[in-house]
């Protein structure tokens, strides 16, 4: 179990690497931020990846669980319904601006804010998130059994370079059918989804202390330069800087 400190409408949880919470849901939606380490938030719709420069949102009533990759300092802020209606009604990940980060850290601290000051800080935090485009760090979960079979192959081995047609032969579906399912269920192409899955695994491996070259090969890139370019496009910083 994590070492936890609770504050009005917020909290701080220090997790050891590999620690995972029980499945839970809350009557209020909540924002989570990893001040250190990498956090994943799992729901039945998929997995949100929360590196140190991102903030993840889980709406009220959604069953979820958290997992720490690397020793992780998780901060959580609950939003009242009046503010929750201003953000998406589904899990989402946002870039953490400097102002959003400082507002969240202040709310999830032992500082004794009055109610009015706490309300103002939460409004600033939500306003900053509304100005931030959603980030491609939510990995949707397939629902169709054929697409799930393809996903299991790639979860087990992100470096698998099989084409969609080759993967389809293993799952009993043609490439055209799988391509349509990716569009309908995941909202993206198969290759976009596979890249996100590989970045997800890369973030986990980096948090566990592996070097960039090892991570690149383990996640399916033939050379580190291609991995660095793809990682930077999604995460907003190079893997080396992120790891540091």
C-alpha atoms as a PDB file:
ATOM      1  CA  UNK A   1       0.000   0.000   0.000  1.00  0.00           C
ATOM      2  CA  UNK A   2       1.208   3.550  -0.650  1.00  0.00           C
ATOM      3  CA  UNK A   3       2.276   6.049   1.997  1.00  0.00           C
ATOM      4  CA  UNK A   4      -0.593   8.535   1.863  1.00  0.00           C
ATOM      5  CA  UNK A   5      -1.432  12.006   3.129  1.00  0.00           C
ATOM      6  CA  UNK A   6      -4.918  13.403   2.633  1.00  0.00           C
ATOM      7  CA  UNK A   7      -5.918  17.062   2.405  1.00  0.00           C
ATOM      8  CA  UNK A   8      -9.257  18.787   1.688  1.00  0.00           C
ATOM      9  CA  UNK A   9     -10.341  17.466  -1.749  1.00  0.00           C
ATOM     10  CA  UNK A  10      -6.808  16.251  -2.550  1.00  0.00           C
ATOM     11  CA  UNK A  11      -4.091  13.816  -1.560  1.00  0.00           C
ATOM     12  CA  UNK A  12      -0.492  12.652  -1.929  1.00  0.00           C
ATOM     13  CA  UNK A  13       0.409   8.975  -2.383  1.00  0.00           C
ATOM     14  CA  UNK A  14       3.983   7.664  -2.474  1.00  0.00           C
ATOM     15  CA  UNK A  15       4.094   4.355  -4.359  1.00  0.00           C
ATOM     16  CA  UNK A  16       6.898   1.856  -4.663  1.00  0.00           C
ATOM     17  CA  UNK A  17       7.630   0.692  -8.207  1.00  0.00           C
ATOM     18  CA  UNK A  18       5.094  -1.927  -9.289  1.00  0.00           C
ATOM     19  CA  UNK A  19       2.522  -1.004  -6.634  1.00  0.00           C
ATOM     20  CA  UNK A  20      -1.082  -1.083  -7.795  1.00  0.00           C
ATOM     21  CA  UNK A  21      -4.315   0.105  -6.215  1.00  0.00           C
ATOM     22  CA  UNK A  22      -7.491  -1.903  -5.924  1.00  0.00           C
ATOM     23  CA  UNK A  23     -10.225  -1.155  -8.461  1.00  0.00           C
ATOM     24  CA  UNK A  24     -12.270   1.764  -7.147  1.00  0.00           C
ATOM     25  CA  UNK A  25     -14.647   4.531  -8.195  1.00  0.00           C
ATOM     26  CA  UNK A  26     -15.428   7.927  -6.664  1.00  0.00           C
ATOM     27  CA  UNK A  27     -18.513  10.159  -6.576  1.00  0.00           C
ATOM     28  CA  UNK A  28     -16.286  13.035  -7.806  1.00  0.00           C
ATOM     29  CA  UNK A  29     -14.009  13.085 -10.819  1.00  0.00           C
ATOM     30  CA  UNK A  30     -10.305  13.415 -10.116  1.00  0.00           C
ATOM     31  CA  UNK A  31      -7.054  14.622 -11.665  1.00  0.00           C
ATOM     32  CA  UNK A  32      -3.797  12.768 -11.058  1.00  0.00           C
ATOM     33  CA  UNK A  33      -0.240  13.940 -11.611  1.00  0.00           C
ATOM     34  CA  UNK A  34       3.075  12.119 -11.154  1.00  0.00           C
ATOM     35  CA  UNK A  35       5.492  14.510  -9.463  1.00  0.00           C
ATOM     36  CA  UNK A  36       8.016  11.658  -9.771  1.00  0.00           C
ATOM     37  CA  UNK A  37       7.901   8.385 -11.689  1.00  0.00           C
ATOM     38  CA  UNK A  38       5.282   7.272 -14.201  1.00  0.00           C
ATOM     39  CA  UNK A  39       1.678   6.441 -13.383  1.00  0.00           C
ATOM     40  CA  UNK A  40      -0.875   4.453 -15.364  1.00  0.00           C
ATOM     41  CA  UNK A  41      -4.623   4.754 -14.841  1.00  0.00           C
ATOM     42  CA  UNK A  42      -6.634   1.724 -16.016  1.00  0.00           C
ATOM     43  CA  UNK A  43     -10.370   1.750 -16.796  1.00  0.00           C
ATOM     44  CA  UNK A  44     -12.491  -0.617 -18.872  1.00  0.00           C
ATOM     45  CA  UNK A  45     -12.069   1.814 -21.787  1.00  0.00           C
ATOM     46  CA  UNK A  46      -8.283   1.662 -21.784  1.00  0.00           C
ATOM     47  CA  UNK A  47      -5.132   2.946 -20.071  1.00  0.00           C
ATOM     48  CA  UNK A  48      -3.998   6.522 -19.513  1.00  0.00           C
ATOM     49  CA  UNK A  49      -0.239   7.003 -19.244  1.00  0.00           C
ATOM     50  CA  UNK A  50       0.855   9.818 -16.931  1.00  0.00           C
ATOM     51  CA  UNK A  51       4.533  10.786 -17.196  1.00  0.00           C
ATOM     52  CA  UNK A  52       5.834  13.737 -15.201  1.00  0.00           C
ATOM     53  CA  UNK A  53       4.654  16.422 -17.640  1.00  0.00           C
ATOM     54  CA  UNK A  54       1.052  15.255 -17.996  1.00  0.00           C
ATOM     55  CA  UNK A  55      -2.177  15.322 -15.945  1.00  0.00           C
ATOM     56  CA  UNK A  56      -4.813  12.591 -16.294  1.00  0.00           C
ATOM     57  CA  UNK A  57      -8.546  13.007 -15.729  1.00  0.00           C
ATOM     58  CA  UNK A  58     -10.951  10.270 -14.600  1.00  0.00           C
ATOM     59  CA  UNK A  59     -14.649  11.255 -14.451  1.00  0.00           C
ATOM     60  CA  UNK A  60     -16.913  10.525 -11.487  1.00  0.00           C
ATOM     61  CA  UNK A  61     -18.228   6.985 -11.255  1.00  0.00           C
ATOM     62  CA  UNK A  62     -15.595   5.378 -13.508  1.00  0.00           C
ATOM     63  CA  UNK A  63     -14.072   2.225 -12.031  1.00  0.00           C
ATOM     64  CA  UNK A  64     -10.301   2.562 -12.219  1.00  0.00           C
ATOM     65  CA  UNK A  65      -7.015   1.441 -10.711  1.00  0.00           C
ATOM     66  CA  UNK A  66      -3.583   3.057 -10.552  1.00  0.00           C
ATOM     67  CA  UNK A  67      -0.174   1.452 -11.066  1.00  0.00           C
ATOM     68  CA  UNK A  68       3.259   2.949 -10.392  1.00  0.00           C
ATOM     69  CA  UNK A  69       6.213   2.420 -12.724  1.00  0.00           C
ATOM     70  CA  UNK A  70       9.348   3.433 -10.879  1.00  0.00           C
ATOM     71  CA  UNK A  71       9.010   4.947  -7.402  1.00  0.00           C
ATOM     72  CA  UNK A  72       6.121   7.363  -7.961  1.00  0.00           C
ATOM     73  CA  UNK A  73       4.879  10.437  -6.137  1.00  0.00           C
ATOM     74  CA  UNK A  74       1.214  10.642  -7.144  1.00  0.00           C
ATOM     75  CA  UNK A  75      -0.827  13.765  -6.459  1.00  0.00           C
ATOM     76  CA  UNK A  76      -4.623  13.690  -6.752  1.00  0.00           C
ATOM     77  CA  UNK A  77      -7.174  16.513  -6.827  1.00  0.00           C
ATOM     78  CA  UNK A  78     -10.940  15.945  -6.791  1.00  0.00           C
ATOM     79  CA  UNK A  79     -13.195  18.326  -8.708  1.00  0.00           C
ATOM     80  CA  UNK A  80     -16.723  19.385  -7.745  1.00  0.00           C
ATOM     81  CA  UNK A  81     -19.422  18.734 -10.343  1.00  0.00           C
ATOM     82  CA  UNK A  82     -19.513  22.429 -11.298  1.00  0.00           C
ATOM     83  CA  UNK A  83     -15.921  22.208 -12.558  1.00  0.00           C
ATOM     84  CA  UNK A  84     -16.020  18.583 -13.741  1.00  0.00           C
ATOM     85  CA  UNK A  85     -18.608  19.525 -16.390  1.00  0.00           C
ATOM     86  CA  UNK A  86     -15.974  21.758 -18.021  1.00  0.00           C
ATOM     87  CA  UNK A  87     -13.662  18.846 -18.834  1.00  0.00           C
ATOM     88  CA  UNK A  88     -14.397  15.686 -20.897  1.00  0.00           C
ATOM     89  CA  UNK A  89     -16.920  13.097 -19.719  1.00  0.00           C
ATOM     90  CA  UNK A  90     -14.374  10.325 -20.420  1.00  0.00           C
ATOM     91  CA  UNK A  91     -10.782   9.657 -19.341  1.00  0.00           C
ATOM     92  CA  UNK A  92      -8.300  12.078 -20.895  1.00  0.00           C
ATOM     93  CA  UNK A  93      -4.671  13.175 -20.572  1.00  0.00           C
ATOM     94  CA  UNK A  94      -3.538  16.808 -20.754  1.00  0.00           C
ATOM     95  CA  UNK A  95      -0.179  18.550 -20.968  1.00  0.00           C
ATOM     96  CA  UNK A  96       0.737  20.078 -17.608  1.00  0.00           C
ATOM     97  CA  UNK A  97       1.529  23.757 -18.075  1.00  0.00           C
ATOM     98  CA  UNK A  98       3.726  25.355 -15.431  1.00  0.00           C
ATOM     99  CA  UNK A  99       0.710  27.114 -13.918  1.00  0.00           C
ATOM    100  CA  UNK A 100      -1.448  23.961 -13.928  1.00  0.00           C
ATOM    101  CA  UNK A 101       1.330  21.966 -12.293  1.00  0.00           C
ATOM    102  CA  UNK A 102       1.904  24.525  -9.533  1.00  0.00           C
ATOM    103  CA  UNK A 103      -1.829  24.876  -8.845  1.00  0.00           C
ATOM    104  CA  UNK A 104      -2.231  21.107  -8.562  1.00  0.00           C
ATOM    105  CA  UNK A 105       0.828  20.718  -6.341  1.00  0.00           C
ATOM    106  CA  UNK A 106      -0.424  23.509  -4.075  1.00  0.00           C
ATOM    107  CA  UNK A 107      -3.865  21.888  -3.771  1.00  0.00           C
ATOM    108  CA  UNK A 108      -2.275  18.487  -3.028  1.00  0.00           C
ATOM    109  CA  UNK A 109      -0.073  19.857  -0.255  1.00  0.00           C
ATOM    110  CA  UNK A 110      -0.366  20.464   3.462  1.00  0.00           C
ATOM    111  CA  UNK A 111      -0.799  24.224   2.963  1.00  0.00           C
ATOM    112  CA  UNK A 112      -3.922  25.390   4.769  1.00  0.00           C
ATOM    113  CA  UNK A 113      -6.036  27.094   2.094  1.00  0.00           C
ATOM    114  CA  UNK A 114      -9.386  28.568   2.948  1.00  0.00           C
ATOM    115  CA  UNK A 115     -12.370  27.335   0.949  1.00  0.00           C
ATOM    116  CA  UNK A 116     -12.485  30.408  -1.307  1.00  0.00           C
ATOM    117  CA  UNK A 117      -8.757  30.209  -2.099  1.00  0.00           C
ATOM    118  CA  UNK A 118      -9.014  26.475  -2.780  1.00  0.00           C
ATOM    119  CA  UNK A 119     -11.951  27.083  -5.146  1.00  0.00           C
ATOM    120  CA  UNK A 120      -9.972  29.735  -7.029  1.00  0.00           C
ATOM    121  CA  UNK A 121      -6.976  27.421  -7.414  1.00  0.00           C
ATOM    122  CA  UNK A 122      -9.142  24.616  -8.737  1.00  0.00           C
ATOM    123  CA  UNK A 123     -10.716  26.997 -11.245  1.00  0.00           C
ATOM    124  CA  UNK A 124      -7.265  28.114 -12.427  1.00  0.00           C
ATOM    125  CA  UNK A 125      -6.254  24.456 -12.795  1.00  0.00           C
ATOM    126  CA  UNK A 126      -9.335  23.597 -14.862  1.00  0.00           C
ATOM    127  CA  UNK A 127      -8.983  26.727 -17.010  1.00  0.00           C
ATOM    128  CA  UNK A 128      -5.393  25.735 -17.801  1.00  0.00           C
ATOM    129  CA  UNK A 129      -6.464  22.214 -18.765  1.00  0.00           C
ATOM    130  CA  UNK A 130      -9.190  23.560 -21.047  1.00  0.00           C
ATOM    131  CA  UNK A 131      -6.514  25.553 -22.895  1.00  0.00           C
ATOM    132  CA  UNK A 132      -4.355  22.457 -23.275  1.00  0.00           C
ATOM    133  CA  UNK A 133      -5.044  20.066 -26.172  1.00  0.00           C
ATOM    134  CA  UNK A 134      -5.637  16.472 -25.168  1.00  0.00           C
ATOM    135  CA  UNK A 135      -2.540  14.314 -25.425  1.00  0.00           C
ATOM    136  CA  UNK A 136      -2.237  10.986 -27.302  1.00  0.00           C
ATOM    137  CA  UNK A 137      -1.449   9.143 -24.092  1.00  0.00           C
ATOM    138  CA  UNK A 138      -4.732   7.340 -23.579  1.00  0.00           C
ATOM    139  CA  UNK A 139      -4.449   3.847 -25.014  1.00  0.00           C
ATOM    140  CA  UNK A 140      -7.972   2.624 -25.865  1.00  0.00           C
ATOM    141  CA  UNK A 141      -8.879  -0.969 -25.084  1.00  0.00           C
ATOM    142  CA  UNK A 142     -10.325  -3.049 -27.967  1.00  0.00           C
ATOM    143  CA  UNK A 143     -13.704  -4.690 -27.431  1.00  0.00           C
ATOM    144  CA  UNK A 144     -13.959  -7.038 -30.421  1.00  0.00           C
ATOM    145  CA  UNK A 145     -12.439 -10.459 -29.697  1.00  0.00           C
ATOM    146  CA  UNK A 146     -10.450 -10.465 -32.945  1.00  0.00           C
ATOM    147  CA  UNK A 147      -8.906  -7.097 -32.200  1.00  0.00           C
ATOM    148  CA  UNK A 148      -8.262  -8.157 -28.605  1.00  0.00           C
ATOM    149  CA  UNK A 149      -6.299 -11.148 -29.911  1.00  0.00           C
ATOM    150  CA  UNK A 150      -4.120  -8.784 -31.978  1.00  0.00           C
ATOM    151  CA  UNK A 151      -3.664  -6.517 -28.957  1.00  0.00           C
ATOM    152  CA  UNK A 152      -2.505  -9.414 -26.769  1.00  0.00           C
ATOM    153  CA  UNK A 153       0.264 -10.222 -29.245  1.00  0.00           C
ATOM    154  CA  UNK A 154       1.543  -6.638 -29.094  1.00  0.00           C
ATOM    155  CA  UNK A 155       1.103  -6.283 -25.329  1.00  0.00           C
ATOM    156  CA  UNK A 156       3.286  -9.370 -24.908  1.00  0.00           C
ATOM    157  CA  UNK A 157       5.861  -8.210 -27.477  1.00  0.00           C
ATOM    158  CA  UNK A 158       5.697  -4.513 -28.446  1.00  0.00           C
ATOM    159  CA  UNK A 159       8.636  -5.088 -30.811  1.00  0.00           C
ATOM    160  CA  UNK A 160       6.597  -7.489 -32.976  1.00  0.00           C
ATOM    161  CA  UNK A 161       6.868  -6.134 -36.535  1.00  0.00           C
ATOM    162  CA  UNK A 162       4.096  -8.211 -38.096  1.00  0.00           C
ATOM    163  CA  UNK A 163       1.855  -6.442 -40.588  1.00  0.00           C
ATOM    164  CA  UNK A 164      -1.852  -6.121 -39.895  1.00  0.00           C
ATOM    165  CA  UNK A 165      -2.518  -8.890 -42.431  1.00  0.00           C
ATOM    166  CA  UNK A 166      -0.051 -11.196 -40.668  1.00  0.00           C
ATOM    167  CA  UNK A 167      -1.593 -10.467 -37.282  1.00  0.00           C
ATOM    168  CA  UNK A 168      -5.026 -11.012 -38.774  1.00  0.00           C
ATOM    169  CA  UNK A 169      -4.136 -14.527 -39.834  1.00  0.00           C
ATOM    170  CA  UNK A 170      -3.429 -15.324 -36.181  1.00  0.00           C
ATOM    171  CA  UNK A 171      -6.738 -13.887 -35.002  1.00  0.00           C
ATOM    172  CA  UNK A 172      -8.986 -15.125 -37.808  1.00  0.00           C
ATOM    173  CA  UNK A 173      -9.769 -11.753 -39.372  1.00  0.00           C
ATOM    174  CA  UNK A 174      -8.682 -10.019 -42.558  1.00  0.00           C
ATOM    175  CA  UNK A 175      -6.633  -6.835 -42.617  1.00  0.00           C
ATOM    176  CA  UNK A 176      -9.582  -4.825 -43.954  1.00  0.00           C
ATOM    177  CA  UNK A 177     -11.834  -5.996 -41.114  1.00  0.00           C
ATOM    178  CA  UNK A 178      -9.196  -5.234 -38.477  1.00  0.00           C
ATOM    179  CA  UNK A 179      -8.533  -1.834 -40.009  1.00  0.00           C
ATOM    180  CA  UNK A 180     -12.246  -0.997 -39.799  1.00  0.00           C
ATOM    181  CA  UNK A 181     -12.407  -2.224 -36.187  1.00  0.00           C
ATOM    182  CA  UNK A 182      -9.421  -0.022 -35.266  1.00  0.00           C
ATOM    183  CA  UNK A 183     -11.193   2.993 -36.720  1.00  0.00           C
ATOM    184  CA  UNK A 184     -14.547   2.184 -35.087  1.00  0.00           C
ATOM    185  CA  UNK A 185     -13.328   1.028 -31.650  1.00  0.00           C
ATOM    186  CA  UNK A 186     -10.009   2.819 -31.156  1.00  0.00           C
ATOM    187  CA  UNK A 187     -10.595   5.994 -33.154  1.00  0.00           C
ATOM    188  CA  UNK A 188      -7.273   5.685 -34.986  1.00  0.00           C
ATOM    189  CA  UNK A 189      -5.401   3.550 -37.473  1.00  0.00           C
ATOM    190  CA  UNK A 190      -3.741   0.319 -36.431  1.00  0.00           C
ATOM    191  CA  UNK A 191      -0.281   1.850 -36.906  1.00  0.00           C
ATOM    192  CA  UNK A 192      -1.158   4.907 -34.797  1.00  0.00           C
ATOM    193  CA  UNK A 193      -2.452   2.622 -32.048  1.00  0.00           C
ATOM    194  CA  UNK A 194       0.648   0.395 -32.203  1.00  0.00           C
ATOM    195  CA  UNK A 195       2.894   3.463 -31.918  1.00  0.00           C
ATOM    196  CA  UNK A 196       0.991   4.591 -28.819  1.00  0.00           C
ATOM    197  CA  UNK A 197       1.277   1.129 -27.316  1.00  0.00           C
ATOM    198  CA  UNK A 198       5.031   1.146 -27.938  1.00  0.00           C
ATOM    199  CA  UNK A 199       5.400   4.592 -26.360  1.00  0.00           C
ATOM    200  CA  UNK A 200       3.431   3.315 -23.357  1.00  0.00           C
ATOM    201  CA  UNK A 201       5.890   0.436 -22.922  1.00  0.00           C
ATOM    202  CA  UNK A 202       8.826   2.781 -23.481  1.00  0.00           C
ATOM    203  CA  UNK A 203       7.672   5.040 -20.639  1.00  0.00           C
ATOM    204  CA  UNK A 204       7.389   2.031 -18.341  1.00  0.00           C
ATOM    205  CA  UNK A 205      10.863   0.736 -19.245  1.00  0.00           C
ATOM    206  CA  UNK A 206      12.447   4.181 -18.856  1.00  0.00           C
ATOM    207  CA  UNK A 207      10.826   4.524 -15.418  1.00  0.00           C
ATOM    208  CA  UNK A 208      12.351   1.170 -14.483  1.00  0.00           C
ATOM    209  CA  UNK A 209      15.820   2.509 -15.321  1.00  0.00           C
ATOM    210  CA  UNK A 210      16.580   0.993 -18.748  1.00  0.00           C
ATOM    211  CA  UNK A 211      18.751   2.997 -21.136  1.00  0.00           C
ATOM    212  CA  UNK A 212      17.397   4.588 -24.316  1.00  0.00           C
ATOM    213  CA  UNK A 213      19.018   2.154 -26.768  1.00  0.00           C
ATOM    214  CA  UNK A 214      17.657  -0.903 -24.946  1.00  0.00           C
ATOM    215  CA  UNK A 215      14.200   0.652 -24.750  1.00  0.00           C
ATOM    216  CA  UNK A 216      14.224   1.516 -28.462  1.00  0.00           C
ATOM    217  CA  UNK A 217      14.949  -2.072 -29.486  1.00  0.00           C
ATOM    218  CA  UNK A 218      12.575  -3.571 -26.909  1.00  0.00           C
ATOM    219  CA  UNK A 219       9.724  -1.438 -28.252  1.00  0.00           C
ATOM    220  CA  UNK A 220      10.239  -2.142 -31.936  1.00  0.00           C
ATOM    221  CA  UNK A 221      12.490   0.587 -33.302  1.00  0.00           C
ATOM    222  CA  UNK A 222      15.440  -0.525 -35.418  1.00  0.00           C
ATOM    223  CA  UNK A 223      17.580   2.396 -34.244  1.00  0.00           C
ATOM    224  CA  UNK A 224      17.475   4.878 -31.352  1.00  0.00           C
ATOM    225  CA  UNK A 225      17.070   7.937 -33.596  1.00  0.00           C
ATOM    226  CA  UNK A 226      13.700   6.731 -34.907  1.00  0.00           C
ATOM    227  CA  UNK A 227      12.567   5.979 -31.366  1.00  0.00           C
ATOM    228  CA  UNK A 228      13.693   9.389 -30.105  1.00  0.00           C
ATOM    229  CA  UNK A 229      11.752  11.162 -32.863  1.00  0.00           C
ATOM    230  CA  UNK A 230       8.556   9.168 -32.205  1.00  0.00           C
ATOM    231  CA  UNK A 231       8.838   9.520 -28.420  1.00  0.00           C
ATOM    232  CA  UNK A 232       9.421  13.274 -28.618  1.00  0.00           C
ATOM    233  CA  UNK A 233       6.420  13.730 -30.928  1.00  0.00           C
ATOM    234  CA  UNK A 234       4.124  12.047 -28.381  1.00  0.00           C
ATOM    235  CA  UNK A 235       5.608  12.959 -24.991  1.00  0.00           C
ATOM    236  CA  UNK A 236       7.015  16.387 -25.835  1.00  0.00           C
ATOM    237  CA  UNK A 237      10.583  15.728 -24.699  1.00  0.00           C
ATOM    238  CA  UNK A 238      13.340  13.308 -25.617  1.00  0.00           C
ATOM    239  CA  UNK A 239      13.557   9.948 -23.804  1.00  0.00           C
ATOM    240  CA  UNK A 240      16.924  10.924 -22.338  1.00  0.00           C
ATOM    241  CA  UNK A 241      15.580  14.147 -20.833  1.00  0.00           C
ATOM    242  CA  UNK A 242      12.443  12.389 -19.647  1.00  0.00           C
ATOM    243  CA  UNK A 243      14.503   9.671 -17.970  1.00  0.00           C
ATOM    244  CA  UNK A 244      16.733  12.256 -16.274  1.00  0.00           C
END
